[in-house]
Amino acid sequence: MSLQKMIGRLFRQATITGILFMLIQTLCAQEKQLVIGQQPIYKVAKATGPITVDGKMDEAAWDKAQVVTFDHFFRTDKPVEKQKTKFRMLWDSTSLYLFYECEDTSLTVRETKPDARPYLDDCAEFFVVPVPDSIYMHFGFEVNLNLLPAAYDYIVLWKYYNDRTYFISGYNPSYKVEATYDGTINNDKDKDKGWKMEFQIPFAALSNFQIFNRPKPGARWAFQAVRQDRNLVDDRFRSTSTLFPIYDFRADVHQPAQFGLMEFAGD
């Protein structure tokens, strides 16, 4: 067999293999679509005492919180170090509390304007809707290490019109967020250790759903938690990791059919 024919045969085999691989991926993605009533559930422990929002997690109440990790990486079109993220939640009679604990060898934060693009930085994101179904609307919170001055909060209308998603940035809820970090910001020459971010989101901030804004034990809400990880100051590329998996990589992290559930535990 000539070298030219051999190369042609290998190319055809590689092409067929590639097509089959893509078909398998597509079928697996279709099989793994979350079904209402079958979403993974995060158990939100009830806080046993007051929580001070300071980015430190030094209250004993946090010892009761379920610890989960972001194991699903979404935007990795370049080789990237998949850095670890731990996530916790608590609740009390007034608020939902979130804590992100992120390993990070390069702290990168450029956005300083409100309702702009903190998602291009090292950033914590949280999407929630206070009902147990994957409806096509949710509240969003995105915060980098510049905190509230650079926070992006909004209401999402997923695939609202002509298959387009709309972000209502005029939603400006009142909530608290603080952070601590170990390293230097925007310095590519050293090696940092990481950052932590703590949120207090009052149930009143979700007042568009007033009938649901005071959950009771056993109540379930749909949500997704996300981390953006940008490692080079002058490179817009970043890796995105999520608590619940994203199967349709052609879309984005706001896919409501991929949200899991939180369940509010009792005392």
C-alpha atoms as a PDB file:
ATOM      1  CA  MET A   1       0.000   0.000   0.000  1.00  0.00           C
ATOM      2  CA  SER A   2       1.333   3.407  -0.934  1.00  0.00           C
ATOM      3  CA  LEU A   3       2.040   5.998   1.743  1.00  0.00           C
ATOM      4  CA  GLN A   4      -0.611   8.284   0.236  1.00  0.00           C
ATOM      5  CA  LYS A   5      -3.321   5.604   0.444  1.00  0.00           C
ATOM      6  CA  MET A   6      -2.287   4.705   3.985  1.00  0.00           C
ATOM      7  CA  ILE A   7      -2.563   8.343   5.119  1.00  0.00           C
ATOM      8  CA  GLY A   8      -5.944   8.632   3.401  1.00  0.00           C
ATOM      9  CA  ARG A   9      -7.258   5.533   5.185  1.00  0.00           C
ATOM     10  CA  LEU A  10      -5.995   6.750   8.583  1.00  0.00           C
ATOM     11  CA  PHE A  11      -7.581  10.153   7.977  1.00  0.00           C
ATOM     12  CA  ARG A  12     -10.965   8.563   7.128  1.00  0.00           C
ATOM     13  CA  GLN A  13     -10.773   6.335  10.223  1.00  0.00           C
ATOM     14  CA  ALA A  14      -9.879   9.306  12.422  1.00  0.00           C
ATOM     15  CA  THR A  15     -12.761  11.311  10.953  1.00  0.00           C
ATOM     16  CA  ILE A  16     -15.272   8.510  11.537  1.00  0.00           C
ATOM     17  CA  THR A  17     -13.945   8.002  15.079  1.00  0.00           C
ATOM     18  CA  GLY A  18     -14.268  11.727  15.753  1.00  0.00           C
ATOM     19  CA  ILE A  19     -17.865  11.791  14.473  1.00  0.00           C
ATOM     20  CA  LEU A  20     -18.778   8.763  16.595  1.00  0.00           C
ATOM     21  CA  PHE A  21     -17.163  10.370  19.641  1.00  0.00           C
ATOM     22  CA  MET A  22     -19.181  13.562  19.120  1.00  0.00           C
ATOM     23  CA  LEU A  23     -22.396  11.548  18.696  1.00  0.00           C
ATOM     24  CA  ILE A  24     -21.704   9.642  21.933  1.00  0.00           C
ATOM     25  CA  GLN A  25     -21.060  12.911  23.738  1.00  0.00           C
ATOM     26  CA  THR A  26     -24.329  14.329  22.430  1.00  0.00           C
ATOM     27  CA  LEU A  27     -26.314  11.243  23.439  1.00  0.00           C
ATOM     28  CA  CYS A  28     -24.732  11.219  26.889  1.00  0.00           C
ATOM     29  CA  ALA A  29     -25.564  14.881  27.308  1.00  0.00           C
ATOM     30  CA  GLN A  30     -29.178  14.207  26.339  1.00  0.00           C
ATOM     31  CA  GLU A  31     -29.401  11.312  28.780  1.00  0.00           C
ATOM     32  CA  LYS A  32     -27.990  13.417  31.604  1.00  0.00           C
ATOM     33  CA  GLN A  33     -30.463  16.291  31.389  1.00  0.00           C
ATOM     34  CA  LEU A  34     -31.796  16.965  34.869  1.00  0.00           C
ATOM     35  CA  VAL A  35     -35.442  16.096  35.382  1.00  0.00           C
ATOM     36  CA  ILE A  36     -37.663  18.107  37.725  1.00  0.00           C
ATOM     37  CA  GLY A  37     -37.986  16.093  40.918  1.00  0.00           C
ATOM     38  CA  GLN A  38     -34.683  14.293  40.345  1.00  0.00           C
ATOM     39  CA  GLN A  39     -32.193  17.140  40.829  1.00  0.00           C
ATOM     40  CA  PRO A  40     -29.243  16.678  43.206  1.00  0.00           C
ATOM     41  CA  ILE A  41     -29.950  18.205  46.600  1.00  0.00           C
ATOM     42  CA  TYR A  42     -27.753  20.309  48.873  1.00  0.00           C
ATOM     43  CA  LYS A  43     -28.905  20.243  52.534  1.00  0.00           C
ATOM     44  CA  VAL A  44     -28.727  23.766  54.009  1.00  0.00           C
ATOM     45  CA  ALA A  45     -28.106  23.533  57.751  1.00  0.00           C
ATOM     46  CA  LYS A  46     -29.816  25.959  60.140  1.00  0.00           C
ATOM     47  CA  ALA A  47     -27.377  28.382  61.772  1.00  0.00           C
ATOM     48  CA  THR A  48     -27.131  27.863  65.529  1.00  0.00           C
ATOM     49  CA  GLY A  49     -26.037  31.430  66.252  1.00  0.00           C
ATOM     50  CA  PRO A  50     -25.367  34.806  64.630  1.00  0.00           C
ATOM     51  CA  ILE A  51     -23.130  34.949  61.550  1.00  0.00           C
ATOM     52  CA  THR A  52     -20.687  37.825  61.074  1.00  0.00           C
ATOM     53  CA  VAL A  53     -20.057  38.376  57.379  1.00  0.00           C
ATOM     54  CA  ASP A  54     -16.285  38.914  57.299  1.00  0.00           C
ATOM     55  CA  GLY A  55     -14.888  36.295  54.908  1.00  0.00           C
ATOM     56  CA  LYS A  56     -13.402  34.239  57.757  1.00  0.00           C
ATOM     57  CA  MET A  57     -15.921  31.490  58.618  1.00  0.00           C
ATOM     58  CA  ASP A  58     -14.853  31.413  62.269  1.00  0.00           C
ATOM     59  CA  GLU A  59     -18.312  30.877  63.811  1.00  0.00           C
ATOM     60  CA  ALA A  60     -19.084  27.431  65.202  1.00  0.00           C
ATOM     61  CA  ALA A  61     -22.288  27.364  63.140  1.00  0.00           C
ATOM     62  CA  TRP A  62     -20.244  26.737  59.988  1.00  0.00           C
ATOM     63  CA  ASP A  63     -19.128  23.378  61.395  1.00  0.00           C
ATOM     64  CA  LYS A  64     -22.646  22.088  60.652  1.00  0.00           C
ATOM     65  CA  ALA A  65     -22.598  23.181  57.010  1.00  0.00           C
ATOM     66  CA  GLN A  66     -22.383  20.535  54.287  1.00  0.00           C
ATOM     67  CA  VAL A  67     -19.097  20.911  52.375  1.00  0.00           C
ATOM     68  CA  VAL A  68     -19.226  20.338  48.624  1.00  0.00           C
ATOM     69  CA  THR A  69     -16.693  20.934  45.856  1.00  0.00           C
ATOM     70  CA  PHE A  70     -16.918  22.340  42.339  1.00  0.00           C
ATOM     71  CA  ASP A  71     -15.869  19.322  40.288  1.00  0.00           C
ATOM     72  CA  HIS A  72     -17.386  20.298  36.938  1.00  0.00           C
ATOM     73  CA  PHE A  73     -15.211  22.492  34.729  1.00  0.00           C
ATOM     74  CA  PHE A  74     -17.013  24.342  31.984  1.00  0.00           C
ATOM     75  CA  ARG A  75     -14.682  26.656  30.059  1.00  0.00           C
ATOM     76  CA  THR A  76     -11.404  24.834  29.522  1.00  0.00           C
ATOM     77  CA  ASP A  77     -10.599  25.379  25.832  1.00  0.00           C
ATOM     78  CA  LYS A  78      -7.003  25.990  26.922  1.00  0.00           C
ATOM     79  CA  PRO A  79      -4.881  23.844  29.254  1.00  0.00           C
ATOM     80  CA  VAL A  80      -5.653  25.083  32.757  1.00  0.00           C
ATOM     81  CA  GLU A  81      -4.924  24.112  36.329  1.00  0.00           C
ATOM     82  CA  LYS A  82      -8.221  22.963  37.805  1.00  0.00           C
ATOM     83  CA  GLN A  83      -7.994  24.699  41.156  1.00  0.00           C
ATOM     84  CA  LYS A  84     -10.114  23.497  44.068  1.00  0.00           C
ATOM     85  CA  THR A  85     -13.226  25.233  45.380  1.00  0.00           C
ATOM     86  CA  LYS A  86     -15.160  24.334  48.523  1.00  0.00           C
ATOM     87  CA  PHE A  87     -18.691  25.658  49.049  1.00  0.00           C
ATOM     88  CA  ARG A  88     -20.982  25.856  52.091  1.00  0.00           C
ATOM     89  CA  MET A  89     -24.415  27.294  52.915  1.00  0.00           C
ATOM     90  CA  LEU A  90     -26.372  28.086  56.065  1.00  0.00           C
ATOM     91  CA  TRP A  91     -29.680  29.789  56.761  1.00  0.00           C
ATOM     92  CA  ASP A  92     -31.547  31.472  59.584  1.00  0.00           C
ATOM     93  CA  SER A  93     -34.890  33.230  59.930  1.00  0.00           C
ATOM     94  CA  THR A  94     -33.835  36.195  57.782  1.00  0.00           C
ATOM     95  CA  SER A  95     -31.067  35.202  55.382  1.00  0.00           C
ATOM     96  CA  LEU A  96     -29.168  32.702  53.316  1.00  0.00           C
ATOM     97  CA  TYR A  97     -25.387  32.540  53.934  1.00  0.00           C
ATOM     98  CA  LEU A  98     -22.809  31.363  51.370  1.00  0.00           C
ATOM     99  CA  PHE A  99     -19.115  30.646  51.770  1.00  0.00           C
ATOM    100  CA  TYR A 100     -16.654  30.088  48.902  1.00  0.00           C
ATOM    101  CA  GLU A 101     -13.181  28.762  49.758  1.00  0.00           C
ATOM    102  CA  CYS A 102     -10.931  28.822  46.699  1.00  0.00           C
ATOM    103  CA  GLU A 103      -7.383  27.676  46.050  1.00  0.00           C
ATOM    104  CA  ASP A 104      -5.780  30.161  43.658  1.00  0.00           C
ATOM    105  CA  THR A 105      -2.145  30.572  42.655  1.00  0.00           C
ATOM    106  CA  SER A 106      -2.805  33.858  40.832  1.00  0.00           C
ATOM    107  CA  LEU A 107      -5.250  36.400  42.270  1.00  0.00           C
ATOM    108  CA  THR A 108      -6.618  38.442  39.377  1.00  0.00           C
ATOM    109  CA  VAL A 109      -9.165  41.250  39.778  1.00  0.00           C
ATOM    110  CA  ARG A 110      -9.598  44.048  37.251  1.00  0.00           C
ATOM    111  CA  GLU A 111     -13.276  45.064  37.217  1.00  0.00           C
ATOM    112  CA  THR A 112     -14.179  47.995  39.482  1.00  0.00           C
ATOM    113  CA  LYS A 113     -17.520  49.182  38.037  1.00  0.00           C
ATOM    114  CA  PRO A 114     -20.946  47.976  39.219  1.00  0.00           C
ATOM    115  CA  ASP A 115     -23.051  45.771  36.929  1.00  0.00           C
ATOM    116  CA  ALA A 116     -20.131  45.305  34.538  1.00  0.00           C
ATOM    117  CA  ARG A 117     -17.954  42.200  34.068  1.00  0.00           C
ATOM    118  CA  PRO A 118     -16.623  40.752  37.345  1.00  0.00           C
ATOM    119  CA  TYR A 119     -17.058  37.331  35.719  1.00  0.00           C
ATOM    120  CA  LEU A 120     -13.849  37.985  33.754  1.00  0.00           C
ATOM    121  CA  ASP A 121     -11.948  38.047  37.083  1.00  0.00           C
ATOM    122  CA  ASP A 122     -11.598  35.642  39.977  1.00  0.00           C
ATOM    123  CA  CYS A 123     -15.266  35.704  40.865  1.00  0.00           C
ATOM    124  CA  ALA A 124     -17.952  33.919  42.893  1.00  0.00           C
ATOM    125  CA  GLU A 125     -21.378  33.509  41.301  1.00  0.00           C
ATOM    126  CA  PHE A 126     -24.701  32.344  42.706  1.00  0.00           C
ATOM    127  CA  PHE A 127     -28.004  31.804  40.872  1.00  0.00           C
ATOM    128  CA  VAL A 128     -31.222  31.108  42.770  1.00  0.00           C
ATOM    129  CA  VAL A 129     -34.972  30.977  42.329  1.00  0.00           C
ATOM    130  CA  PRO A 130     -37.121  30.350  45.431  1.00  0.00           C
ATOM    131  CA  VAL A 131     -39.193  27.557  43.926  1.00  0.00           C
ATOM    132  CA  PRO A 132     -38.261  23.877  43.508  1.00  0.00           C
ATOM    133  CA  ASP A 133     -38.590  23.858  39.694  1.00  0.00           C
ATOM    134  CA  SER A 134     -36.212  24.849  36.915  1.00  0.00           C
ATOM    135  CA  ILE A 135     -38.306  27.782  35.717  1.00  0.00           C
ATOM    136  CA  TYR A 136     -36.854  30.102  33.105  1.00  0.00           C
ATOM    137  CA  MET A 137     -36.096  32.943  35.499  1.00  0.00           C
ATOM    138  CA  HIS A 138     -33.616  33.353  38.350  1.00  0.00           C
ATOM    139  CA  PHE A 139     -31.775  35.900  40.492  1.00  0.00           C
ATOM    140  CA  GLY A 140     -28.030  36.229  39.928  1.00  0.00           C
ATOM    141  CA  PHE A 141     -25.154  37.503  42.088  1.00  0.00           C
ATOM    142  CA  GLU A 142     -21.576  37.834  40.760  1.00  0.00           C
ATOM    143  CA  VAL A 143     -18.812  39.328  42.917  1.00  0.00           C
ATOM    144  CA  ASN A 144     -15.038  39.641  42.490  1.00  0.00           C
ATOM    145  CA  LEU A 145     -12.527  40.621  45.190  1.00  0.00           C
ATOM    146  CA  ASN A 146     -13.444  44.293  44.742  1.00  0.00           C
ATOM    147  CA  LEU A 147     -16.733  43.210  46.348  1.00  0.00           C
ATOM    148  CA  LEU A 148     -19.947  45.265  46.154  1.00  0.00           C
ATOM    149  CA  PRO A 149     -18.491  48.242  44.261  1.00  0.00           C
ATOM    150  CA  ALA A 150     -17.932  45.842  41.360  1.00  0.00           C
ATOM    151  CA  ALA A 151     -20.831  43.440  41.956  1.00  0.00           C
ATOM    152  CA  TYR A 152     -23.104  42.370  39.120  1.00  0.00           C
ATOM    153  CA  ASP A 153     -26.602  41.469  40.332  1.00  0.00           C
ATOM    154  CA  TYR A 154     -29.507  40.868  38.012  1.00  0.00           C
ATOM    155  CA  ILE A 155     -32.631  38.919  37.115  1.00  0.00           C
ATOM    156  CA  VAL A 156     -32.244  36.440  34.254  1.00  0.00           C
ATOM    157  CA  LEU A 157     -35.009  35.667  31.767  1.00  0.00           C
ATOM    158  CA  TRP A 158     -33.651  32.535  30.086  1.00  0.00           C
ATOM    159  CA  LYS A 159     -34.489  32.180  26.355  1.00  0.00           C
ATOM    160  CA  TYR A 160     -37.105  34.884  26.845  1.00  0.00           C
ATOM    161  CA  TYR A 161     -37.670  35.954  23.231  1.00  0.00           C
ATOM    162  CA  ASN A 162     -36.357  34.630  19.914  1.00  0.00           C
ATOM    163  CA  ASP A 163     -34.201  32.182  21.883  1.00  0.00           C
ATOM    164  CA  ARG A 164     -32.330  35.077  23.506  1.00  0.00           C
ATOM    165  CA  THR A 165     -31.595  35.413  27.223  1.00  0.00           C
ATOM    166  CA  TYR A 166     -32.103  38.792  28.889  1.00  0.00           C
ATOM    167  CA  PHE A 167     -30.368  40.136  32.000  1.00  0.00           C
ATOM    168  CA  ILE A 168     -32.241  42.780  33.983  1.00  0.00           C
ATOM    169  CA  SER A 169     -29.377  44.622  35.661  1.00  0.00           C
ATOM    170  CA  GLY A 170     -31.691  47.183  37.255  1.00  0.00           C
ATOM    171  CA  TYR A 171     -32.272  44.648  40.019  1.00  0.00           C
ATOM    172  CA  ASN A 172     -30.206  46.100  42.873  1.00  0.00           C
ATOM    173  CA  PRO A 173     -30.855  44.067  46.033  1.00  0.00           C
ATOM    174  CA  SER A 174     -29.412  44.809  49.443  1.00  0.00           C
ATOM    175  CA  TYR A 175     -27.003  42.081  50.603  1.00  0.00           C
ATOM    176  CA  LYS A 176     -23.621  41.728  52.295  1.00  0.00           C
ATOM    177  CA  VAL A 177     -20.386  40.209  51.026  1.00  0.00           C
ATOM    178  CA  GLU A 178     -16.826  40.213  52.373  1.00  0.00           C
ATOM    179  CA  ALA A 179     -13.629  38.460  51.362  1.00  0.00           C
ATOM    180  CA  THR A 180     -10.167  37.557  52.612  1.00  0.00           C
ATOM    181  CA  TYR A 181      -7.226  36.394  50.532  1.00  0.00           C
ATOM    182  CA  ASP A 182      -3.689  35.068  50.869  1.00  0.00           C
ATOM    183  CA  GLY A 183      -1.459  36.562  48.186  1.00  0.00           C
ATOM    184  CA  THR A 184      -1.072  39.670  46.054  1.00  0.00           C
ATOM    185  CA  ILE A 185      -3.656  40.836  43.539  1.00  0.00           C
ATOM    186  CA  ASN A 186      -2.756  41.288  39.856  1.00  0.00           C
ATOM    187  CA  ASN A 187       0.844  40.123  40.145  1.00  0.00           C
ATOM    188  CA  ASP A 188       1.688  37.309  37.718  1.00  0.00           C
ATOM    189  CA  LYS A 189       5.225  36.976  39.070  1.00  0.00           C
ATOM    190  CA  ASP A 190       4.442  35.449  42.459  1.00  0.00           C
ATOM    191  CA  LYS A 191       2.453  32.412  43.599  1.00  0.00           C
ATOM    192  CA  ASP A 192      -0.636  33.061  45.712  1.00  0.00           C
ATOM    193  CA  LYS A 193      -2.565  30.623  47.887  1.00  0.00           C
ATOM    194  CA  GLY A 194      -6.227  31.528  47.562  1.00  0.00           C
ATOM    195  CA  TRP A 195      -9.267  33.540  48.582  1.00  0.00           C
ATOM    196  CA  LYS A 196     -12.467  33.206  50.577  1.00  0.00           C
ATOM    197  CA  MET A 197     -15.780  34.996  50.113  1.00  0.00           C
ATOM    198  CA  GLU A 198     -18.816  35.112  52.385  1.00  0.00           C
ATOM    199  CA  PHE A 199     -22.340  36.270  51.439  1.00  0.00           C
ATOM    200  CA  GLN A 200     -25.446  37.142  53.390  1.00  0.00           C
ATOM    201  CA  ILE A 201     -28.451  37.308  51.074  1.00  0.00           C
ATOM    202  CA  PRO A 202     -31.590  38.379  52.954  1.00  0.00           C
ATOM    203  CA  PHE A 203     -34.741  36.572  51.897  1.00  0.00           C
ATOM    204  CA  ALA A 204     -36.236  40.029  51.459  1.00  0.00           C
ATOM    205  CA  ALA A 205     -33.807  40.531  48.540  1.00  0.00           C
ATOM    206  CA  LEU A 206     -35.905  37.968  46.675  1.00  0.00           C
ATOM    207  CA  SER A 207     -39.039  40.001  47.319  1.00  0.00           C
ATOM    208  CA  ASN A 208     -40.378  39.461  43.802  1.00  0.00           C
ATOM    209  CA  PHE A 209     -41.426  36.064  45.205  1.00  0.00           C
ATOM    210  CA  GLN A 210     -42.936  37.338  48.446  1.00  0.00           C
ATOM    211  CA  ILE A 211     -44.937  34.193  49.054  1.00  0.00           C
ATOM    212  CA  PHE A 212     -41.677  32.229  49.246  1.00  0.00           C
ATOM    213  CA  ASN A 213     -39.295  34.699  50.878  1.00  0.00           C
ATOM    214  CA  ARG A 214     -39.429  33.100  54.342  1.00  0.00           C
ATOM    215  CA  PRO A 215     -38.564  29.425  53.837  1.00  0.00           C
ATOM    216  CA  LYS A 216     -39.539  26.741  56.311  1.00  0.00           C
ATOM    217  CA  PRO A 217     -37.706  23.480  57.064  1.00  0.00           C
ATOM    218  CA  GLY A 218     -38.192  21.112  54.189  1.00  0.00           C
ATOM    219  CA  ALA A 219     -38.622  23.848  51.582  1.00  0.00           C
ATOM    220  CA  ARG A 220     -36.632  23.418  48.372  1.00  0.00           C
ATOM    221  CA  TRP A 221     -35.229  26.085  46.048  1.00  0.00           C
ATOM    222  CA  ALA A 222     -33.445  25.680  42.710  1.00  0.00           C
ATOM    223  CA  PHE A 223     -29.894  27.073  42.453  1.00  0.00           C
ATOM    224  CA  GLN A 224     -26.441  26.885  40.899  1.00  0.00           C
ATOM    225  CA  ALA A 225     -23.087  27.978  42.383  1.00  0.00           C
ATOM    226  CA  VAL A 226     -20.177  28.947  40.122  1.00  0.00           C
ATOM    227  CA  ARG A 227     -16.557  30.036  40.346  1.00  0.00           C
ATOM    228  CA  GLN A 228     -14.655  31.974  37.690  1.00  0.00           C
ATOM    229  CA  ASP A 229     -10.871  31.530  37.789  1.00  0.00           C
ATOM    230  CA  ARG A 230      -8.654  33.899  35.813  1.00  0.00           C
ATOM    231  CA  ASN A 231      -4.917  33.379  36.207  1.00  0.00           C
ATOM    232  CA  LEU A 232      -3.256  35.960  33.952  1.00  0.00           C
ATOM    233  CA  VAL A 233      -3.877  39.685  34.280  1.00  0.00           C
ATOM    234  CA  ASP A 234      -3.665  40.397  30.555  1.00  0.00           C
ATOM    235  CA  ASP A 235      -5.492  37.287  29.337  1.00  0.00           C
ATOM    236  CA  ARG A 236      -9.320  37.267  29.288  1.00  0.00           C
ATOM    237  CA  PHE A 237      -9.406  33.469  29.299  1.00  0.00           C
ATOM    238  CA  ARG A 238     -10.618  31.904  32.527  1.00  0.00           C
ATOM    239  CA  SER A 239     -11.719  28.511  33.744  1.00  0.00           C
ATOM    240  CA  THR A 240     -15.281  28.133  35.027  1.00  0.00           C
ATOM    241  CA  SER A 241     -16.249  25.491  37.581  1.00  0.00           C
ATOM    242  CA  THR A 242     -19.732  24.665  38.840  1.00  0.00           C
ATOM    243  CA  LEU A 243     -21.368  22.806  41.692  1.00  0.00           C
ATOM    244  CA  PHE A 244     -23.868  21.065  39.415  1.00  0.00           C
ATOM    245  CA  PRO A 245     -22.718  19.813  35.996  1.00  0.00           C
ATOM    246  CA  ILE A 246     -23.300  21.701  32.755  1.00  0.00           C
ATOM    247  CA  TYR A 247     -23.898  19.231  29.936  1.00  0.00           C
ATOM    248  CA  ASP A 248     -24.674  21.562  27.031  1.00  0.00           C
ATOM    249  CA  PHE A 249     -21.360  23.355  26.540  1.00  0.00           C
ATOM    250  CA  ARG A 250     -22.774  25.383  23.654  1.00  0.00           C
ATOM    251  CA  ALA A 251     -24.900  27.317  26.127  1.00  0.00           C
ATOM    252  CA  ASP A 252     -23.704  28.933  29.378  1.00  0.00           C
ATOM    253  CA  VAL A 253     -23.862  28.456  33.129  1.00  0.00           C
ATOM    254  CA  HIS A 254     -27.348  29.990  33.398  1.00  0.00           C
ATOM    255  CA  GLN A 255     -29.128  26.907  32.048  1.00  0.00           C
ATOM    256  CA  PRO A 256     -32.082  26.430  34.435  1.00  0.00           C
ATOM    257  CA  ALA A 257     -32.525  22.769  33.500  1.00  0.00           C
ATOM    258  CA  GLN A 258     -29.104  22.108  35.052  1.00  0.00           C
ATOM    259  CA  PHE A 259     -29.829  23.700  38.436  1.00  0.00           C
ATOM    260  CA  GLY A 260     -29.840  21.519  41.525  1.00  0.00           C
ATOM    261  CA  LEU A 261     -31.883  22.045  44.673  1.00  0.00           C
ATOM    262  CA  MET A 262     -31.175  23.333  48.152  1.00  0.00           C
ATOM    263  CA  GLU A 263     -33.276  21.916  50.966  1.00  0.00           C
ATOM    264  CA  PHE A 264     -33.665  23.900  54.179  1.00  0.00           C
ATOM    265  CA  ALA A 265     -32.966  21.726  57.223  1.00  0.00           C
ATOM    266  CA  GLY A 266     -34.568  22.223  60.632  1.00  0.00           C
ATOM    267  CA  ASP A 267     -32.943  22.975  63.983  1.00  0.00           C
END
